[in-house]
Amino acid sequence: MSYLPTLRRAHNGAIVLDGSAAAHEQIRTLADLYREDPEGVGDMLIDIADLKDQAERERDLDGLGHAEHMRDSIVTELINEIGGAEIHLDPRDNHHALMQARSLAHHARGIGDAAQQRADQLAALTAIARGVREERRRPPVC
């Protein structure tokens, strides 16, 4: 089953794109995979953590090295083993595929509308802050 991200409001009123349903499913699958092969999965997770440290050290040396690419490769392999992160749409020309496409379009419109509202809010707040700064810069009228 695929889980689309949902829009919700955070406790401070900010808009959040929540992908936790998919993350929950992937963590449950990772736990199942770990039960089947604790040594293999554990080694992959340790390699990911070790490569993070190595990648940070390499970044300090002007980005020399391959640790980050190796880390990304292991993470990709692990994601693929727990079912991937892609949401496959039904390719058939039938009612189910139509309803799936409509649902996806509805979610996408909601995400787009929320993002546009947030961009408009930020533009207004930026314009107000800019006006306040310009007002402070003006010499006092005598």
Protein backbone atom coordinates (compact mmCIF):
# COMPACT_ATOMS: atom_id res chain seq x y z
CA MET A 1 0.00 0.00 0.00
CA SER A 2 1.31 3.50 -0.77
CA TYR A 3 0.87 6.39 1.59
CA LEU A 4 0.62 9.90 0.21
CA PRO A 5 1.82 12.75 2.39
CA THR A 6 -0.98 14.71 4.04
CA LEU A 7 -1.30 18.37 4.93
CA ARG A 8 -1.81 19.30 8.55
CA ARG A 9 -1.26 22.25 10.82
CA ALA A 10 1.48 22.15 13.44
CA HIS A 11 0.88 23.31 17.00
CA ASN A 12 2.10 26.80 16.09
CA GLY A 13 -0.27 27.02 13.11
CA ALA A 14 2.41 26.37 10.48
CA ILE A 15 1.49 24.12 7.59
CA VAL A 16 3.22 20.74 7.59
CA LEU A 17 3.50 18.17 4.81
CA ASP A 18 3.33 14.94 6.84
CA GLY A 19 4.83 11.77 5.39
CA SER A 20 4.77 9.85 8.66
CA ALA A 21 2.32 7.19 7.44
CA ALA A 22 4.86 6.04 4.84
CA ALA A 23 7.71 6.32 7.35
CA HIS A 24 5.79 4.16 9.85
CA GLU A 25 5.27 1.48 7.22
CA GLN A 26 8.93 1.57 6.18
CA ILE A 27 10.15 1.30 9.78
CA ARG A 28 7.83 -1.68 10.38
CA THR A 29 9.23 -3.30 7.24
CA LEU A 30 12.78 -2.51 8.36
CA ALA A 31 12.04 -4.22 11.70
CA ASP A 32 10.79 -7.30 9.83
CA LEU A 33 13.90 -7.28 7.67
CA TYR A 34 16.07 -6.94 10.77
CA ARG A 35 14.33 -9.95 12.35
CA GLU A 36 15.14 -12.00 9.23
CA ASP A 37 18.78 -10.83 8.98
CA PRO A 38 19.87 -8.88 12.07
CA GLU A 39 23.55 -9.05 11.23
CA GLY A 40 23.16 -7.87 7.63
CA VAL A 41 20.74 -5.04 8.41
CA GLY A 42 22.70 -4.03 11.51
CA ASP A 43 25.92 -3.89 9.49
CA MET A 44 24.23 -1.69 6.87
CA LEU A 45 23.00 0.74 9.52
CA ILE A 46 26.41 0.90 11.18
CA ASP A 47 28.04 1.49 7.77
CA ILE A 48 25.60 4.35 7.11
CA ALA A 49 26.46 5.97 10.46
CA ASP A 50 30.21 5.47 10.02
CA LEU A 51 30.11 6.87 6.48
CA LYS A 52 28.28 9.96 7.77
CA ASP A 53 31.20 10.74 10.05
CA GLN A 54 33.68 10.07 7.28
CA ALA A 55 31.71 12.25 4.82
CA GLU A 56 31.73 15.13 7.32
CA ARG A 57 35.50 14.83 7.69
CA GLU A 58 35.88 14.76 3.90
CA ARG A 59 33.74 17.91 3.57
CA ASP A 60 36.20 19.64 5.89
CA LEU A 61 38.90 18.72 3.35
CA ASP A 62 37.13 20.57 0.51
CA GLY A 63 34.85 17.67 -0.39
CA LEU A 64 37.53 15.16 -1.29
CA GLY A 65 36.57 11.49 -1.03
CA HIS A 66 33.69 9.19 -1.79
CA ALA A 67 32.11 8.49 1.60
CA GLU A 68 28.93 10.46 0.88
CA HIS A 69 28.35 8.61 -2.40
CA MET A 70 28.96 5.26 -0.71
CA ARG A 71 26.56 6.23 2.09
CA ASP A 72 23.87 7.28 -0.40
CA SER A 73 24.32 3.98 -2.23
CA ILE A 74 23.82 1.94 0.96
CA VAL A 75 20.80 4.04 1.97
CA THR A 76 19.27 3.56 -1.50
CA GLU A 77 19.85 -0.19 -1.27
CA LEU A 78 18.20 -0.32 2.15
CA ILE A 79 15.24 1.79 0.99
CA ASN A 80 14.78 -0.54 -1.98
CA GLU A 81 14.84 -3.56 0.37
CA ILE A 82 12.07 -2.10 2.53
CA GLY A 83 9.82 -1.37 -0.41
CA GLY A 84 11.21 1.81 -1.91
CA ALA A 85 10.00 5.35 -1.67
CA GLU A 86 8.16 5.55 -4.97
CA ILE A 87 4.40 5.76 -5.26
CA HIS A 88 3.37 3.74 -8.28
CA LEU A 89 0.18 4.74 -10.02
CA ASP A 90 -2.12 2.13 -11.44
CA PRO A 91 -1.35 1.94 -15.20
CA ARG A 92 -4.69 0.41 -16.18
CA ASP A 93 -7.51 2.30 -17.84
CA ASN A 94 -10.19 1.52 -15.30
CA HIS A 95 -12.24 3.06 -12.52
CA HIS A 96 -9.67 2.28 -9.80
CA ALA A 97 -6.87 3.99 -11.74
CA LEU A 98 -9.13 6.98 -12.42
CA MET A 99 -10.00 7.32 -8.73
CA GLN A 100 -6.33 6.99 -7.76
CA ALA A 101 -5.34 9.73 -10.22
CA ARG A 102 -8.14 12.00 -8.96
CA SER A 103 -7.11 11.44 -5.35
CA LEU A 104 -3.50 12.24 -6.18
CA ALA A 105 -4.58 15.40 -8.04
CA HIS A 106 -6.73 16.45 -5.07
CA HIS A 107 -3.80 16.00 -2.67
CA ALA A 108 -1.43 17.82 -5.03
CA ARG A 109 -3.86 20.77 -5.33
CA GLY A 110 -4.12 20.95 -1.55
CA ILE A 111 -0.34 20.90 -1.18
CA GLY A 112 0.04 23.52 -3.93
CA ASP A 113 -2.64 25.76 -2.41
CA ALA A 114 -1.08 25.53 1.04
CA ALA A 115 2.37 26.29 -0.36
CA GLN A 116 1.01 29.29 -2.29
CA GLN A 117 -0.76 30.62 0.83
CA ARG A 118 2.47 30.29 2.81
CA ALA A 119 4.44 32.02 0.04
CA ASP A 120 1.88 34.86 0.03
CA GLN A 121 2.13 35.16 3.83
CA LEU A 122 5.93 35.28 3.65
CA ALA A 123 5.82 37.89 0.87
CA ALA A 124 3.50 40.09 2.95
CA LEU A 125 5.64 39.71 6.07
CA THR A 126 8.77 40.49 4.05
CA ALA A 127 7.17 43.61 2.57
CA ILE A 128 6.12 44.80 6.03
CA ALA A 129 9.61 44.18 7.44
CA ARG A 130 11.17 45.97 4.46
CA GLY A 131 8.87 48.97 5.03
CA VAL A 132 9.79 49.10 8.71
CA ARG A 133 13.52 49.00 7.88
CA GLU A 134 13.14 51.75 5.27
CA GLU A 135 11.14 53.86 7.73
CA ARG A 136 13.95 53.54 10.29
CA ARG A 137 16.55 54.61 7.69
CA ARG A 138 14.77 57.85 6.84
CA PRO A 139 16.14 60.92 8.49
CA PRO A 140 13.83 62.48 11.06
CA VAL A 141 11.58 65.25 9.80
CA CYS A 142 12.27 68.53 11.56
